Amino acid sequence: PGPLLIADPASRPSAAAAESQPSESQPAEAVLLLNWTSSAAKGADLLQFRVSSASKPDLLREAAFNSMRLLLSLAEAELLSLKLTVAVAAVANKSGLRQEGSEIVIAEQLQMPPGRPLVSLLPDRRAVEVSLTASSGSELLTAAAHADSGSFAAATNSCRPDSGRCTVALQPLRPFTNYLVEAVAELSGMASLPQRSEVRTLEDAPSQPQSVRLDDASSQLLCDWRAPSEPNGVIRNYSVAWGSLSFPDGAEIRVGAKEAAADTTRLQLEPPPLPG
């Protein structure tokens, strides 16, 4: 039999679309997704895809017609943040003979998303300083702090990278609180996958003890209080000082947090010493 011929352009496969998208399941930052219909050129076995840009050499990949789609890893292609041209051709490859039809361009100037930024965190009592480094071309870097997974951001800030780097402050935040910081890079309206990091803000001074009350109805002087509504860290002890008008420096006692009650703490106060 004669050589196997690729069908004329009218019967070429219909390559439906090429689009870029981030993918959590892929090891790369993003993938190029190529979809096509099952209609194939007569006698052809494969589709050959050519992905190219102005600054990168062509990347060739082949896929059988029954695959219906092809994912190109952008880490492998090194095409993050570039504008791509995608062309497809039908290929016959039987009995050692290979013939290729002419290409059909299915996408031009296809913008790929940027890669995830690199993140460094420096926590303070009520803020977190976020240093961002763009891993590929990016117009804008954004960081957000979430107190709970899936919750609204407690603080958000953005910066435009200078020489690939910039720093933002996420504030105001609560002291001694765990936050999930998500950072993304943006380019031409496209966002990278988020780079996630966990951080805890530093301790700060607690708020005042609650419900402080003196009871002198009996022969004893009793002081009651409850823990502060905002501990802002680990409460280690309470300091109770008391005295009289004639002897204001009276006395002071410390109560360890372990000795304090979970609800209300009651402390018996001894009368302060008399002056002289």
C-alpha atoms as a PDB file:
ATOM      1  CA  PRO A   1       0.000   0.000   0.000  1.00  0.00           C
ATOM      2  CA  GLY A   2       1.009   3.605  -0.586  1.00  0.00           C
ATOM      3  CA  PRO A   3       2.159   5.998   2.160  1.00  0.00           C
ATOM      4  CA  LEU A   4      -0.373   7.120   4.752  1.00  0.00           C
ATOM      5  CA  LEU A   5      -1.489  10.674   4.059  1.00  0.00           C
ATOM      6  CA  ILE A   6      -2.775  13.307   6.444  1.00  0.00           C
ATOM      7  CA  ALA A   7      -6.197  14.570   5.513  1.00  0.00           C
ATOM      8  CA  ASP A   8      -6.690  18.029   4.038  1.00  0.00           C
ATOM      9  CA  PRO A   9      -7.291  21.029   6.322  1.00  0.00           C
ATOM     10  CA  ALA A  10     -11.065  20.622   6.194  1.00  0.00           C
ATOM     11  CA  SER A  11     -10.887  17.339   8.105  1.00  0.00           C
ATOM     12  CA  ARG A  12      -8.316  18.314  10.690  1.00  0.00           C
ATOM     13  CA  PRO A  13      -9.113  17.677  14.355  1.00  0.00           C
ATOM     14  CA  SER A  14     -11.022  20.411  16.125  1.00  0.00           C
ATOM     15  CA  ALA A  15      -8.792  21.731  18.913  1.00  0.00           C
ATOM     16  CA  ALA A  16     -11.368  23.431  21.090  1.00  0.00           C
ATOM     17  CA  ALA A  17      -9.319  25.657  23.349  1.00  0.00           C
ATOM     18  CA  ALA A  18      -6.098  26.302  25.220  1.00  0.00           C
ATOM     19  CA  GLU A  19      -6.200  27.912  28.656  1.00  0.00           C
ATOM     20  CA  SER A  20      -3.873  28.431  31.571  1.00  0.00           C
ATOM     21  CA  GLN A  21      -4.866  27.583  35.124  1.00  0.00           C
ATOM     22  CA  PRO A  22      -3.242  26.990  38.522  1.00  0.00           C
ATOM     23  CA  SER A  23      -3.369  23.437  39.815  1.00  0.00           C
ATOM     24  CA  GLU A  24      -2.976  22.233  43.400  1.00  0.00           C
ATOM     25  CA  SER A  25      -2.573  18.628  42.193  1.00  0.00           C
ATOM     26  CA  GLN A  26       0.365  19.316  39.906  1.00  0.00           C
ATOM     27  CA  PRO A  27       3.939  19.735  41.122  1.00  0.00           C
ATOM     28  CA  ALA A  28       4.245  22.823  38.935  1.00  0.00           C
ATOM     29  CA  GLU A  29       2.902  26.229  39.832  1.00  0.00           C
ATOM     30  CA  ALA A  30       0.385  26.066  36.987  1.00  0.00           C
ATOM     31  CA  VAL A  31      -0.550  23.950  34.014  1.00  0.00           C
ATOM     32  CA  LEU A  32      -1.511  24.611  30.413  1.00  0.00           C
ATOM     33  CA  LEU A  33      -4.769  22.835  29.693  1.00  0.00           C
ATOM     34  CA  LEU A  34      -5.458  21.863  26.064  1.00  0.00           C
ATOM     35  CA  ASN A  35      -8.897  20.526  25.145  1.00  0.00           C
ATOM     36  CA  TRP A  36     -10.085  19.166  21.832  1.00  0.00           C
ATOM     37  CA  THR A  37     -12.993  17.235  20.372  1.00  0.00           C
ATOM     38  CA  SER A  38     -12.758  13.602  19.270  1.00  0.00           C
ATOM     39  CA  SER A  39     -13.099  14.348  15.554  1.00  0.00           C
ATOM     40  CA  ALA A  40      -9.792  13.405  13.937  1.00  0.00           C
ATOM     41  CA  ALA A  41      -8.171  13.709  10.552  1.00  0.00           C
ATOM     42  CA  LYS A  42      -8.585  10.539   8.529  1.00  0.00           C
ATOM     43  CA  GLY A  43      -5.794   8.085   9.257  1.00  0.00           C
ATOM     44  CA  ALA A  44      -4.122  10.255  11.913  1.00  0.00           C
ATOM     45  CA  ASP A  45      -3.042   8.793  15.258  1.00  0.00           C
ATOM     46  CA  LEU A  46      -1.834  11.723  17.305  1.00  0.00           C
ATOM     47  CA  LEU A  47      -2.061  15.420  17.887  1.00  0.00           C
ATOM     48  CA  GLN A  48       1.188  17.329  18.111  1.00  0.00           C
ATOM     49  CA  PHE A  49       1.051  20.486  20.186  1.00  0.00           C
ATOM     50  CA  ARG A  50       3.662  23.193  19.841  1.00  0.00           C
ATOM     51  CA  VAL A  51       3.900  25.754  22.649  1.00  0.00           C
ATOM     52  CA  SER A  52       6.186  28.716  22.100  1.00  0.00           C
ATOM     53  CA  SER A  53       6.917  32.237  23.243  1.00  0.00           C
ATOM     54  CA  ALA A  54       9.154  35.040  22.078  1.00  0.00           C
ATOM     55  CA  SER A  55      11.882  34.238  24.622  1.00  0.00           C
ATOM     56  CA  LYS A  56      11.652  30.442  24.954  1.00  0.00           C
ATOM     57  CA  PRO A  57      12.271  27.596  22.491  1.00  0.00           C
ATOM     58  CA  ASP A  58       9.357  25.540  21.231  1.00  0.00           C
ATOM     59  CA  LEU A  59       7.962  22.846  23.492  1.00  0.00           C
ATOM     60  CA  LEU A  60       6.479  19.842  21.667  1.00  0.00           C
ATOM     61  CA  ARG A  61       4.072  17.354  23.178  1.00  0.00           C
ATOM     62  CA  GLU A  62       1.940  14.659  21.598  1.00  0.00           C
ATOM     63  CA  ALA A  63      -1.357  13.162  22.686  1.00  0.00           C
ATOM     64  CA  ALA A  64      -3.624  10.467  21.272  1.00  0.00           C
ATOM     65  CA  PHE A  65      -7.047  11.456  20.020  1.00  0.00           C
ATOM     66  CA  ASN A  66      -8.803   9.456  22.707  1.00  0.00           C
ATOM     67  CA  SER A  67      -7.080  11.474  25.449  1.00  0.00           C
ATOM     68  CA  MET A  68      -9.377  14.487  24.928  1.00  0.00           C
ATOM     69  CA  ARG A  69      -7.055  16.799  26.833  1.00  0.00           C
ATOM     70  CA  LEU A  70      -3.407  17.419  27.649  1.00  0.00           C
ATOM     71  CA  LEU A  71      -1.793  19.044  30.676  1.00  0.00           C
ATOM     72  CA  LEU A  72       1.604  20.670  30.216  1.00  0.00           C
ATOM     73  CA  SER A  73       3.583  21.242  33.387  1.00  0.00           C
ATOM     74  CA  LEU A  74       4.853  24.802  33.396  1.00  0.00           C
ATOM     75  CA  ALA A  75       7.692  24.011  35.764  1.00  0.00           C
ATOM     76  CA  GLU A  76       8.955  21.674  33.084  1.00  0.00           C
ATOM     77  CA  ALA A  77       8.253  24.140  30.298  1.00  0.00           C
ATOM     78  CA  GLU A  78       9.594  27.124  32.262  1.00  0.00           C
ATOM     79  CA  LEU A  79       6.894  29.272  30.762  1.00  0.00           C
ATOM     80  CA  LEU A  80       5.442  30.940  33.834  1.00  0.00           C
ATOM     81  CA  SER A  81       4.268  34.513  33.272  1.00  0.00           C
ATOM     82  CA  LEU A  82       4.951  34.406  29.536  1.00  0.00           C
ATOM     83  CA  LYS A  83       2.577  34.992  26.650  1.00  0.00           C
ATOM     84  CA  LEU A  84       2.317  31.805  24.605  1.00  0.00           C
ATOM     85  CA  THR A  85       1.327  30.684  21.154  1.00  0.00           C
ATOM     86  CA  VAL A  86      -0.225  27.217  20.941  1.00  0.00           C
ATOM     87  CA  ALA A  87      -0.491  25.365  17.629  1.00  0.00           C
ATOM     88  CA  VAL A  88      -1.713  21.835  16.864  1.00  0.00           C
ATOM     89  CA  ALA A  89      -1.114  19.452  13.942  1.00  0.00           C
ATOM     90  CA  ALA A  90      -2.399  15.973  13.104  1.00  0.00           C
ATOM     91  CA  VAL A  91       0.227  13.221  12.912  1.00  0.00           C
ATOM     92  CA  ALA A  92       0.152   9.775  11.279  1.00  0.00           C
ATOM     93  CA  ASN A  93       2.696   7.337  12.668  1.00  0.00           C
ATOM     94  CA  LYS A  94       2.264   3.785  11.380  1.00  0.00           C
ATOM     95  CA  SER A  95       4.657   1.131  10.127  1.00  0.00           C
ATOM     96  CA  GLY A  96       7.616   3.430  10.760  1.00  0.00           C
ATOM     97  CA  LEU A  97       6.205   6.190   8.576  1.00  0.00           C
ATOM     98  CA  ARG A  98       5.460   9.568  10.103  1.00  0.00           C
ATOM     99  CA  GLN A  99       3.660  12.370   8.390  1.00  0.00           C
ATOM    100  CA  GLU A 100       2.514  15.627   9.866  1.00  0.00           C
ATOM    101  CA  GLY A 101      -0.217  17.934   8.635  1.00  0.00           C
ATOM    102  CA  SER A 102       0.130  21.684   8.702  1.00  0.00           C
ATOM    103  CA  GLU A 103      -0.448  23.405  12.023  1.00  0.00           C
ATOM    104  CA  ILE A 104      -3.542  25.185  13.245  1.00  0.00           C
ATOM    105  CA  VAL A 105      -2.941  28.006  15.751  1.00  0.00           C
ATOM    106  CA  ILE A 106      -5.503  27.659  18.563  1.00  0.00           C
ATOM    107  CA  ALA A 107      -4.211  30.342  20.944  1.00  0.00           C
ATOM    108  CA  GLU A 108      -2.072  33.439  20.614  1.00  0.00           C
ATOM    109  CA  GLN A 109      -0.740  35.715  23.350  1.00  0.00           C
ATOM    110  CA  LEU A 110      -2.034  33.276  25.972  1.00  0.00           C
ATOM    111  CA  GLN A 111      -1.042  34.760  29.326  1.00  0.00           C
ATOM    112  CA  MET A 112       0.290  32.307  31.892  1.00  0.00           C
ATOM    113  CA  PRO A 113      -0.202  32.966  35.612  1.00  0.00           C
ATOM    114  CA  PRO A 114       2.763  33.956  37.805  1.00  0.00           C
ATOM    115  CA  GLY A 115       4.397  31.576  40.237  1.00  0.00           C
ATOM    116  CA  ARG A 116       3.880  31.618  43.989  1.00  0.00           C
ATOM    117  CA  PRO A 117       5.890  34.246  45.864  1.00  0.00           C
ATOM    118  CA  LEU A 118       8.471  33.321  48.462  1.00  0.00           C
ATOM    119  CA  VAL A 119       7.479  34.451  51.958  1.00  0.00           C
ATOM    120  CA  SER A 120       9.386  35.398  55.127  1.00  0.00           C
ATOM    121  CA  LEU A 121       7.444  36.324  58.309  1.00  0.00           C
ATOM    122  CA  LEU A 122       8.492  38.452  61.283  1.00  0.00           C
ATOM    123  CA  PRO A 123       5.784  38.523  64.001  1.00  0.00           C
ATOM    124  CA  ASP A 124       5.264  41.358  66.477  1.00  0.00           C
ATOM    125  CA  ARG A 125       2.662  41.764  69.245  1.00  0.00           C
ATOM    126  CA  ARG A 126      -0.125  43.124  67.037  1.00  0.00           C
ATOM    127  CA  ALA A 127       1.316  42.848  63.532  1.00  0.00           C
ATOM    128  CA  VAL A 128       3.241  40.559  61.197  1.00  0.00           C
ATOM    129  CA  GLU A 129       5.836  41.877  58.779  1.00  0.00           C
ATOM    130  CA  VAL A 130       5.709  39.910  55.524  1.00  0.00           C
ATOM    131  CA  SER A 131       8.680  39.989  53.139  1.00  0.00           C
ATOM    132  CA  LEU A 132       7.669  38.855  49.650  1.00  0.00           C
ATOM    133  CA  THR A 133       9.856  37.751  46.758  1.00  0.00           C
ATOM    134  CA  ALA A 134       8.325  37.206  43.338  1.00  0.00           C
ATOM    135  CA  SER A 135       9.375  33.826  41.916  1.00  0.00           C
ATOM    136  CA  SER A 136       8.494  35.020  38.402  1.00  0.00           C
ATOM    137  CA  GLY A 137       7.286  38.183  36.751  1.00  0.00           C
ATOM    138  CA  SER A 138       4.567  39.776  38.867  1.00  0.00           C
ATOM    139  CA  GLU A 139       2.879  43.171  38.948  1.00  0.00           C
ATOM    140  CA  LEU A 140       1.463  42.925  42.447  1.00  0.00           C
ATOM    141  CA  LEU A 141       2.091  40.837  45.573  1.00  0.00           C
ATOM    142  CA  THR A 142      -0.667  40.483  48.191  1.00  0.00           C
ATOM    143  CA  ALA A 143      -0.624  38.953  51.683  1.00  0.00           C
ATOM    144  CA  ALA A 144      -3.582  38.245  53.966  1.00  0.00           C
ATOM    145  CA  ALA A 145      -3.796  36.923  57.545  1.00  0.00           C
ATOM    146  CA  HIS A 146      -6.628  34.582  58.551  1.00  0.00           C
ATOM    147  CA  ALA A 147      -7.316  33.671  62.186  1.00  0.00           C
ATOM    148  CA  ASP A 148      -9.225  30.555  61.086  1.00  0.00           C
ATOM    149  CA  SER A 149      -9.015  28.503  57.911  1.00  0.00           C
ATOM    150  CA  GLY A 150     -11.632  29.708  55.459  1.00  0.00           C
ATOM    151  CA  SER A 151     -12.472  32.820  57.500  1.00  0.00           C
ATOM    152  CA  PHE A 152     -12.416  36.380  56.254  1.00  0.00           C
ATOM    153  CA  ALA A 153      -9.000  37.993  56.322  1.00  0.00           C
ATOM    154  CA  ALA A 154      -8.174  39.765  59.571  1.00  0.00           C
ATOM    155  CA  ALA A 155      -5.728  41.983  57.668  1.00  0.00           C
ATOM    156  CA  THR A 156      -4.679  42.373  54.021  1.00  0.00           C
ATOM    157  CA  ASN A 157      -1.959  44.419  52.353  1.00  0.00           C
ATOM    158  CA  SER A 158      -0.359  44.623  48.896  1.00  0.00           C
ATOM    159  CA  CYS A 159       2.838  45.958  47.374  1.00  0.00           C
ATOM    160  CA  ARG A 160       4.451  46.278  43.971  1.00  0.00           C
ATOM    161  CA  PRO A 161       7.804  44.457  43.839  1.00  0.00           C
ATOM    162  CA  ASP A 162      10.966  46.477  43.365  1.00  0.00           C
ATOM    163  CA  SER A 163      13.664  44.239  41.893  1.00  0.00           C
ATOM    164  CA  GLY A 164      11.355  41.324  42.634  1.00  0.00           C
ATOM    165  CA  ARG A 165      10.882  42.110  46.358  1.00  0.00           C
ATOM    166  CA  CYS A 166       8.700  44.147  48.681  1.00  0.00           C
ATOM    167  CA  THR A 167       7.510  44.142  52.304  1.00  0.00           C
ATOM    168  CA  VAL A 168       4.063  44.708  53.832  1.00  0.00           C
ATOM    169  CA  ALA A 169       2.720  44.851  57.392  1.00  0.00           C
ATOM    170  CA  LEU A 170      -0.425  42.949  58.331  1.00  0.00           C
ATOM    171  CA  GLN A 171      -2.158  44.829  61.146  1.00  0.00           C
ATOM    172  CA  PRO A 172      -3.937  45.226  63.472  1.00  0.00           C
ATOM    173  CA  LEU A 173      -3.834  41.634  64.694  1.00  0.00           C
ATOM    174  CA  ARG A 174      -4.545  40.082  68.078  1.00  0.00           C
ATOM    175  CA  PRO A 175      -1.593  39.237  70.333  1.00  0.00           C
ATOM    176  CA  PHE A 176      -0.606  35.632  70.941  1.00  0.00           C
ATOM    177  CA  THR A 177      -2.869  34.349  68.166  1.00  0.00           C
ATOM    178  CA  ASN A 178      -2.185  31.805  65.443  1.00  0.00           C
ATOM    179  CA  TYR A 179      -2.671  33.129  61.913  1.00  0.00           C
ATOM    180  CA  LEU A 180      -2.558  31.547  58.494  1.00  0.00           C
ATOM    181  CA  VAL A 181      -0.821  33.936  56.092  1.00  0.00           C
ATOM    182  CA  GLU A 182      -1.624  33.511  52.404  1.00  0.00           C
ATOM    183  CA  ALA A 183       0.446  35.304  49.769  1.00  0.00           C
ATOM    184  CA  VAL A 184      -0.324  35.461  46.048  1.00  0.00           C
ATOM    185  CA  ALA A 185       1.290  37.055  43.004  1.00  0.00           C
ATOM    186  CA  GLU A 186      -0.798  38.809  40.366  1.00  0.00           C
ATOM    187  CA  LEU A 187      -0.104  39.547  36.716  1.00  0.00           C
ATOM    188  CA  SER A 188      -2.563  40.976  34.184  1.00  0.00           C
ATOM    189  CA  GLY A 189      -5.494  40.077  36.395  1.00  0.00           C
ATOM    190  CA  MET A 190      -4.305  36.486  36.918  1.00  0.00           C
ATOM    191  CA  ALA A 191      -3.352  35.219  40.368  1.00  0.00           C
ATOM    192  CA  SER A 192      -0.922  32.495  41.374  1.00  0.00           C
ATOM    193  CA  LEU A 193      -1.732  29.712  43.750  1.00  0.00           C
ATOM    194  CA  PRO A 194      -1.437  30.928  47.372  1.00  0.00           C
ATOM    195  CA  GLN A 195       1.760  30.415  49.326  1.00  0.00           C
ATOM    196  CA  ARG A 196       0.600  29.495  52.855  1.00  0.00           C
ATOM    197  CA  SER A 197       2.545  29.956  56.092  1.00  0.00           C
ATOM    198  CA  GLU A 198       1.577  29.790  59.765  1.00  0.00           C
ATOM    199  CA  VAL A 199       2.687  32.302  62.364  1.00  0.00           C
ATOM    200  CA  ARG A 200       1.830  33.293  65.949  1.00  0.00           C
ATOM    201  CA  THR A 201       1.909  36.896  67.102  1.00  0.00           C
ATOM    202  CA  LEU A 202       3.895  37.744  70.238  1.00  0.00           C
ATOM    203  CA  GLU A 203       2.505  38.189  73.743  1.00  0.00           C
ATOM    204  CA  ASP A 204       1.324  41.600  74.938  1.00  0.00           C
ATOM    205  CA  ALA A 205       0.140  43.058  78.261  1.00  0.00           C
ATOM    206  CA  PRO A 206      -3.196  41.572  79.367  1.00  0.00           C
ATOM    207  CA  SER A 207      -6.326  43.603  79.895  1.00  0.00           C
ATOM    208  CA  GLN A 208      -7.448  44.398  83.468  1.00  0.00           C
ATOM    209  CA  PRO A 209      -8.781  41.640  85.706  1.00  0.00           C
ATOM    210  CA  GLN A 210     -12.572  41.531  85.645  1.00  0.00           C
ATOM    211  CA  SER A 211     -15.131  41.914  88.414  1.00  0.00           C
ATOM    212  CA  VAL A 212     -12.673  43.060  91.101  1.00  0.00           C
ATOM    213  CA  ARG A 213     -14.530  43.318  94.428  1.00  0.00           C
ATOM    214  CA  LEU A 214     -13.634  43.808  98.100  1.00  0.00           C
ATOM    215  CA  ASP A 215     -15.704  42.150 100.815  1.00  0.00           C
ATOM    216  CA  ASP A 216     -15.204  43.457 104.391  1.00  0.00           C
ATOM    217  CA  ALA A 217     -18.575  42.439 105.807  1.00  0.00           C
ATOM    218  CA  SER A 218     -16.918  39.926 108.133  1.00  0.00           C
ATOM    219  CA  SER A 219     -13.847  40.240 110.268  1.00  0.00           C
ATOM    220  CA  GLN A 220     -11.795  39.334 107.205  1.00  0.00           C
ATOM    221  CA  LEU A 221     -10.934  41.417 104.155  1.00  0.00           C
ATOM    222  CA  LEU A 222     -11.548  39.414 100.970  1.00  0.00           C
ATOM    223  CA  CYS A 223     -10.673  40.312  97.397  1.00  0.00           C
ATOM    224  CA  ASP A 224     -12.428  38.644  94.462  1.00  0.00           C
ATOM    225  CA  TRP A 225     -11.531  38.895  90.754  1.00  0.00           C
ATOM    226  CA  ARG A 226     -11.917  37.089  87.473  1.00  0.00           C
ATOM    227  CA  ALA A 227      -9.381  36.531  84.744  1.00  0.00           C
ATOM    228  CA  PRO A 228      -8.976  39.324  82.140  1.00  0.00           C
ATOM    229  CA  SER A 229     -11.177  39.111  79.057  1.00  0.00           C
ATOM    230  CA  GLU A 230      -8.086  39.501  76.841  1.00  0.00           C
ATOM    231  CA  PRO A 231      -5.148  37.630  78.352  1.00  0.00           C
ATOM    232  CA  ASN A 232      -3.009  38.374  75.237  1.00  0.00           C
ATOM    233  CA  GLY A 233      -0.673  35.558  76.222  1.00  0.00           C
ATOM    234  CA  VAL A 234      -0.073  33.211  79.134  1.00  0.00           C
ATOM    235  CA  ILE A 235      -1.111  34.652  82.526  1.00  0.00           C
ATOM    236  CA  ARG A 236       1.696  33.689  84.926  1.00  0.00           C
ATOM    237  CA  ASN A 237       0.603  35.454  88.140  1.00  0.00           C
ATOM    238  CA  TYR A 238      -1.571  38.175  89.634  1.00  0.00           C
ATOM    239  CA  SER A 239      -0.238  40.954  91.844  1.00  0.00           C
ATOM    240  CA  VAL A 240      -2.538  42.220  94.606  1.00  0.00           C
ATOM    241  CA  ALA A 241      -1.474  45.298  96.594  1.00  0.00           C
ATOM    242  CA  TRP A 242      -3.420  46.971  99.399  1.00  0.00           C
ATOM    243  CA  GLY A 243      -2.887  49.501 102.133  1.00  0.00           C
ATOM    244  CA  SER A 244      -4.533  52.301 104.146  1.00  0.00           C
ATOM    245  CA  LEU A 245      -4.767  56.053 103.715  1.00  0.00           C
ATOM    246  CA  SER A 246      -2.184  56.540 106.417  1.00  0.00           C
ATOM    247  CA  PHE A 247       0.060  53.768 105.087  1.00  0.00           C
ATOM    248  CA  PRO A 248      -0.493  53.541 101.293  1.00  0.00           C
ATOM    249  CA  ASP A 249       2.461  51.221 100.666  1.00  0.00           C
ATOM    250  CA  GLY A 250       0.856  48.599 102.884  1.00  0.00           C
ATOM    251  CA  ALA A 251       1.516  45.161 101.399  1.00  0.00           C
ATOM    252  CA  GLU A 252       1.594  43.182  98.168  1.00  0.00           C
ATOM    253  CA  ILE A 253       1.124  39.530  97.374  1.00  0.00           C
ATOM    254  CA  ARG A 254       1.481  37.525  94.177  1.00  0.00           C
ATOM    255  CA  VAL A 255      -0.867  34.726  93.234  1.00  0.00           C
ATOM    256  CA  GLY A 256       0.369  32.255  90.642  1.00  0.00           C
ATOM    257  CA  ALA A 257      -1.932  31.571  87.732  1.00  0.00           C
ATOM    258  CA  LYS A 258      -2.032  27.888  88.696  1.00  0.00           C
ATOM    259  CA  GLU A 259      -3.398  28.826  92.121  1.00  0.00           C
ATOM    260  CA  ALA A 260      -6.031  31.143  90.637  1.00  0.00           C
ATOM    261  CA  ALA A 261      -9.484  29.718  90.073  1.00  0.00           C
ATOM    262  CA  ALA A 262     -10.838  29.091  86.599  1.00  0.00           C
ATOM    263  CA  ASP A 263     -13.843  31.316  87.338  1.00  0.00           C
ATOM    264  CA  THR A 264     -13.484  33.643  90.340  1.00  0.00           C
ATOM    265  CA  THR A 265     -10.443  33.862  92.598  1.00  0.00           C
ATOM    266  CA  ARG A 266     -10.924  34.810  96.287  1.00  0.00           C
ATOM    267  CA  LEU A 267      -7.964  35.980  98.328  1.00  0.00           C
ATOM    268  CA  GLN A 268      -7.904  36.756 102.066  1.00  0.00           C
ATOM    269  CA  LEU A 269      -5.972  39.948 102.750  1.00  0.00           C
ATOM    270  CA  GLU A 270      -4.192  40.481 106.042  1.00  0.00           C
ATOM    271  CA  PRO A 271      -4.450  44.014 107.512  1.00  0.00           C
ATOM    272  CA  PRO A 272      -1.465  46.152 106.524  1.00  0.00           C
ATOM    273  CA  PRO A 273       1.052  46.895 109.245  1.00  0.00           C
ATOM    274  CA  LEU A 274       0.535  50.098 111.187  1.00  0.00           C
ATOM    275  CA  PRO A 275       3.049  52.895 110.632  1.00  0.00           C
ATOM    276  CA  GLY A 276       5.842  53.257 113.136  1.00  0.00           C
END
